[in-house]
Amino acid sequence: MIELDRDAMTPMYVQLANVLRDRIRHGQIPVGRRLPSQSELEAETGGAVSRRTIKTALEVLADEGLVQGVQGKGVFVIALPANPPASE
């Protein structure tokens, strides 16, 4: 289950991107593997976020060069994230 804080100052899509980035960083979703589908992620959040929010979170990860969409197959991890700054 993905826990997101609706009352936090951080937007929901950023929170979701952070969760997915951490899963990639810690090997829970290895390079070359497909991320959960949008409907799977929606279920994992307990329906707390819309598919648009999920799509935006995936776009953030794609812009960072971590994932890539493959038409008809899903979104796949293509790189590991850089190490987080020491303050995290």
N, C-alpha and C. Protein backbone atom coordinates (compact mmCIF):
# COMPACT_ATOMS: atom_id res chain seq x y z
N MET A 1 0.85 -1.18 0.00
CA MET A 1 0.00 0.00 0.00
C MET A 1 0.89 1.24 0.00
N ILE A 2 0.55 2.18 -0.83
CA ILE A 2 1.27 3.44 -0.90
C ILE A 2 0.53 4.46 -0.04
N GLU A 3 1.23 5.01 0.93
CA GLU A 3 0.64 6.01 1.83
C GLU A 3 1.04 7.40 1.36
N LEU A 4 0.05 8.21 1.02
CA LEU A 4 0.29 9.59 0.63
C LEU A 4 -0.47 10.51 1.57
N ASP A 5 0.10 11.69 1.82
CA ASP A 5 -0.49 12.64 2.77
C ASP A 5 -1.18 13.76 2.02
N ARG A 6 -2.51 13.72 1.98
CA ARG A 6 -3.29 14.75 1.28
C ARG A 6 -3.10 16.13 1.88
N ASP A 7 -2.78 16.20 3.17
CA ASP A 7 -2.66 17.48 3.86
C ASP A 7 -1.26 18.06 3.81
N ALA A 8 -0.31 17.34 3.21
CA ALA A 8 1.06 17.82 3.13
C ALA A 8 1.18 18.95 2.12
N MET A 9 2.21 19.77 2.28
CA MET A 9 2.47 20.85 1.35
C MET A 9 2.97 20.29 0.01
N THR A 10 3.61 19.13 0.04
CA THR A 10 4.14 18.49 -1.17
C THR A 10 2.98 17.94 -1.99
N PRO A 11 2.92 18.29 -3.29
CA PRO A 11 1.83 17.78 -4.12
C PRO A 11 1.81 16.24 -4.17
N MET A 12 0.62 15.70 -4.37
CA MET A 12 0.45 14.24 -4.39
C MET A 12 1.31 13.58 -5.46
N TYR A 13 1.41 14.20 -6.65
CA TYR A 13 2.18 13.57 -7.71
C TYR A 13 3.66 13.51 -7.35
N VAL A 14 4.16 14.50 -6.61
CA VAL A 14 5.56 14.50 -6.17
C VAL A 14 5.76 13.41 -5.11
N GLN A 15 4.80 13.27 -4.19
CA GLN A 15 4.89 12.22 -3.18
C GLN A 15 4.93 10.84 -3.84
N LEU A 16 4.06 10.63 -4.84
CA LEU A 16 4.02 9.35 -5.54
C LEU A 16 5.32 9.11 -6.31
N ALA A 17 5.82 10.12 -6.99
CA ALA A 17 7.09 9.99 -7.71
C ALA A 17 8.21 9.63 -6.73
N ASN A 18 8.21 10.24 -5.54
CA ASN A 18 9.22 9.92 -4.53
C ASN A 18 9.15 8.46 -4.09
N VAL A 19 7.93 7.96 -3.89
CA VAL A 19 7.75 6.55 -3.49
C VAL A 19 8.29 5.63 -4.57
N LEU A 20 7.92 5.89 -5.82
CA LEU A 20 8.38 5.04 -6.92
C LEU A 20 9.89 5.14 -7.11
N ARG A 21 10.45 6.35 -6.99
CA ARG A 21 11.90 6.54 -7.09
C ARG A 21 12.62 5.73 -6.01
N ASP A 22 12.09 5.74 -4.79
CA ASP A 22 12.70 4.98 -3.70
C ASP A 22 12.63 3.48 -3.97
N ARG A 23 11.52 3.01 -4.55
CA ARG A 23 11.40 1.59 -4.89
C ARG A 23 12.43 1.20 -5.95
N ILE A 24 12.66 2.10 -6.90
CA ILE A 24 13.67 1.83 -7.92
C ILE A 24 15.06 1.84 -7.28
N ARG A 25 15.34 2.84 -6.47
CA ARG A 25 16.64 2.99 -5.81
C ARG A 25 16.98 1.76 -4.96
N HIS A 26 15.99 1.21 -4.26
CA HIS A 26 16.23 0.08 -3.35
C HIS A 26 16.06 -1.28 -4.02
N GLY A 27 15.88 -1.29 -5.33
CA GLY A 27 15.83 -2.55 -6.07
C GLY A 27 14.50 -3.26 -6.03
N GLN A 28 13.47 -2.65 -5.47
CA GLN A 28 12.15 -3.28 -5.45
C GLN A 28 11.56 -3.34 -6.86
N ILE A 29 11.94 -2.37 -7.69
CA ILE A 29 11.59 -2.38 -9.11
C ILE A 29 12.91 -2.22 -9.86
N PRO A 30 13.53 -3.33 -10.29
CA PRO A 30 14.85 -3.26 -10.92
C PRO A 30 14.82 -2.69 -12.34
N VAL A 31 15.99 -2.26 -12.79
CA VAL A 31 16.13 -1.77 -14.16
C VAL A 31 15.68 -2.88 -15.12
N GLY A 32 14.90 -2.49 -16.12
CA GLY A 32 14.38 -3.43 -17.10
C GLY A 32 13.00 -3.96 -16.77
N ARG A 33 12.53 -3.72 -15.57
CA ARG A 33 11.20 -4.19 -15.17
C ARG A 33 10.14 -3.13 -15.41
N ARG A 34 8.93 -3.61 -15.56
CA ARG A 34 7.78 -2.74 -15.75
C ARG A 34 7.30 -2.22 -14.41
N LEU A 35 6.96 -0.93 -14.39
CA LEU A 35 6.32 -0.36 -13.20
C LEU A 35 4.89 -0.88 -13.13
N PRO A 36 4.28 -0.84 -11.96
CA PRO A 36 2.85 -1.18 -11.90
C PRO A 36 2.06 -0.27 -12.84
N SER A 37 1.00 -0.80 -13.42
CA SER A 37 0.16 -0.01 -14.32
C SER A 37 -0.54 1.11 -13.54
N GLN A 38 -1.10 2.05 -14.28
CA GLN A 38 -1.82 3.14 -13.62
C GLN A 38 -2.95 2.61 -12.76
N SER A 39 -3.68 1.61 -13.24
CA SER A 39 -4.78 1.06 -12.44
C SER A 39 -4.25 0.33 -11.21
N GLU A 40 -3.09 -0.35 -11.34
CA GLU A 40 -2.48 -1.01 -10.19
C GLU A 40 -2.03 0.01 -9.15
N LEU A 41 -1.43 1.12 -9.62
CA LEU A 41 -1.00 2.17 -8.70
C LEU A 41 -2.19 2.84 -8.03
N GLU A 42 -3.26 3.02 -8.79
CA GLU A 42 -4.48 3.60 -8.22
C GLU A 42 -5.01 2.71 -7.09
N ALA A 43 -5.01 1.41 -7.32
CA ALA A 43 -5.45 0.47 -6.29
C ALA A 43 -4.50 0.48 -5.10
N GLU A 44 -3.19 0.60 -5.38
CA GLU A 44 -2.20 0.58 -4.30
C GLU A 44 -2.30 1.81 -3.40
N THR A 45 -2.83 2.90 -3.94
CA THR A 45 -3.03 4.10 -3.13
C THR A 45 -4.41 4.10 -2.48
N GLY A 46 -5.16 3.04 -2.68
CA GLY A 46 -6.50 2.97 -2.12
C GLY A 46 -7.46 3.93 -2.80
N GLY A 47 -7.14 4.27 -4.05
CA GLY A 47 -7.99 5.21 -4.79
C GLY A 47 -7.83 6.64 -4.34
N ALA A 48 -6.76 6.93 -3.60
CA ALA A 48 -6.55 8.27 -3.05
C ALA A 48 -6.12 9.28 -4.10
N VAL A 49 -5.64 8.78 -5.25
CA VAL A 49 -5.19 9.70 -6.30
C VAL A 49 -5.86 9.35 -7.63
N SER A 50 -5.96 10.35 -8.48
CA SER A 50 -6.55 10.14 -9.80
C SER A 50 -5.50 9.58 -10.76
N ARG A 51 -5.96 9.06 -11.87
CA ARG A 51 -5.03 8.56 -12.88
C ARG A 51 -4.19 9.70 -13.45
N ARG A 52 -4.76 10.90 -13.50
CA ARG A 52 -3.98 12.06 -13.98
C ARG A 52 -2.81 12.33 -13.04
N THR A 53 -3.02 12.22 -11.73
CA THR A 53 -1.95 12.40 -10.75
C THR A 53 -0.87 11.35 -10.96
N ILE A 54 -1.29 10.11 -11.20
CA ILE A 54 -0.35 9.02 -11.44
C ILE A 54 0.44 9.28 -12.71
N LYS A 55 -0.26 9.71 -13.75
CA LYS A 55 0.40 10.00 -15.03
C LYS A 55 1.45 11.11 -14.85
N THR A 56 1.11 12.12 -14.08
CA THR A 56 2.04 13.22 -13.83
C THR A 56 3.27 12.74 -13.06
N ALA A 57 3.07 11.86 -12.08
CA ALA A 57 4.19 11.30 -11.33
C ALA A 57 5.12 10.50 -12.26
N LEU A 58 4.52 9.73 -13.17
CA LEU A 58 5.32 8.96 -14.13
C LEU A 58 6.07 9.88 -15.09
N GLU A 59 5.45 11.00 -15.46
CA GLU A 59 6.11 11.98 -16.32
C GLU A 59 7.33 12.59 -15.63
N VAL A 60 7.22 12.83 -14.32
CA VAL A 60 8.36 13.35 -13.55
C VAL A 60 9.53 12.36 -13.64
N LEU A 61 9.23 11.08 -13.42
CA LEU A 61 10.29 10.06 -13.48
C LEU A 61 10.86 9.93 -14.89
N ALA A 62 10.02 10.08 -15.90
CA ALA A 62 10.50 10.03 -17.29
C ALA A 62 11.40 11.23 -17.57
N ASP A 63 11.02 12.40 -17.10
CA ASP A 63 11.83 13.61 -17.29
C ASP A 63 13.19 13.47 -16.61
N GLU A 64 13.25 12.71 -15.54
CA GLU A 64 14.51 12.46 -14.83
C GLU A 64 15.34 11.38 -15.51
N GLY A 65 14.77 10.74 -16.53
CA GLY A 65 15.49 9.69 -17.26
C GLY A 65 15.48 8.34 -16.57
N LEU A 66 14.55 8.14 -15.63
CA LEU A 66 14.50 6.89 -14.88
C LEU A 66 13.60 5.84 -15.53
N VAL A 67 12.55 6.29 -16.20
CA VAL A 67 11.59 5.36 -16.80
C VAL A 67 11.29 5.78 -18.23
N GLN A 68 10.76 4.82 -18.98
CA GLN A 68 10.37 5.08 -20.36
C GLN A 68 9.12 4.26 -20.67
N GLY A 69 8.16 4.91 -21.30
CA GLY A 69 6.94 4.21 -21.71
C GLY A 69 7.17 3.46 -23.01
N VAL A 70 6.60 2.26 -23.09
CA VAL A 70 6.64 1.45 -24.30
C VAL A 70 5.20 1.22 -24.72
N GLN A 71 4.84 1.71 -25.90
CA GLN A 71 3.47 1.63 -26.38
C GLN A 71 2.93 0.21 -26.27
N GLY A 72 1.80 0.05 -25.60
CA GLY A 72 1.13 -1.23 -25.48
C GLY A 72 1.73 -2.17 -24.46
N LYS A 73 2.82 -1.78 -23.80
CA LYS A 73 3.48 -2.66 -22.83
C LYS A 73 3.52 -2.09 -21.42
N GLY A 74 3.66 -0.77 -21.31
CA GLY A 74 3.73 -0.16 -20.00
C GLY A 74 4.91 0.76 -19.86
N VAL A 75 5.25 1.08 -18.63
CA VAL A 75 6.36 1.98 -18.32
C VAL A 75 7.44 1.14 -17.64
N PHE A 76 8.66 1.25 -18.16
CA PHE A 76 9.77 0.43 -17.69
C PHE A 76 10.88 1.28 -17.09
N VAL A 77 11.55 0.70 -16.08
CA VAL A 77 12.70 1.35 -15.46
C VAL A 77 13.87 1.22 -16.42
N ILE A 78 14.53 2.34 -16.72
CA ILE A 78 15.68 2.30 -17.63
C ILE A 78 16.97 2.76 -16.96
N ALA A 79 16.89 3.32 -15.74
CA ALA A 79 18.09 3.78 -15.04
C ALA A 79 17.81 3.89 -13.55
N LEU A 80 18.89 3.85 -12.78
CA LEU A 80 18.78 4.05 -11.34
C LEU A 80 18.87 5.53 -11.02
N PRO A 81 18.16 5.99 -10.00
CA PRO A 81 18.26 7.41 -9.62
C PRO A 81 19.62 7.69 -9.01
N ALA A 82 20.05 8.93 -9.13
CA ALA A 82 21.28 9.37 -8.45
C ALA A 82 21.05 9.28 -6.95
N ASN A 83 22.12 9.18 -6.21
CA ASN A 83 21.98 9.14 -4.76
C ASN A 83 21.35 10.43 -4.28
N PRO A 84 20.49 10.36 -3.26
CA PRO A 84 19.84 11.57 -2.75
C PRO A 84 20.88 12.45 -2.05
N PRO A 85 20.61 13.75 -1.98
CA PRO A 85 21.49 14.64 -1.22
C PRO A 85 21.59 14.18 0.23
N ALA A 86 22.68 14.52 0.87
CA ALA A 86 22.93 14.08 2.26
C ALA A 86 21.84 14.54 3.21
N SER A 87 21.11 15.60 2.87
CA SER A 87 20.08 16.12 3.78
C SER A 87 18.83 15.27 3.82
N GLU A 88 18.65 14.35 2.83
CA GLU A 88 17.42 13.53 2.82
C GLU A 88 17.52 12.39 3.77
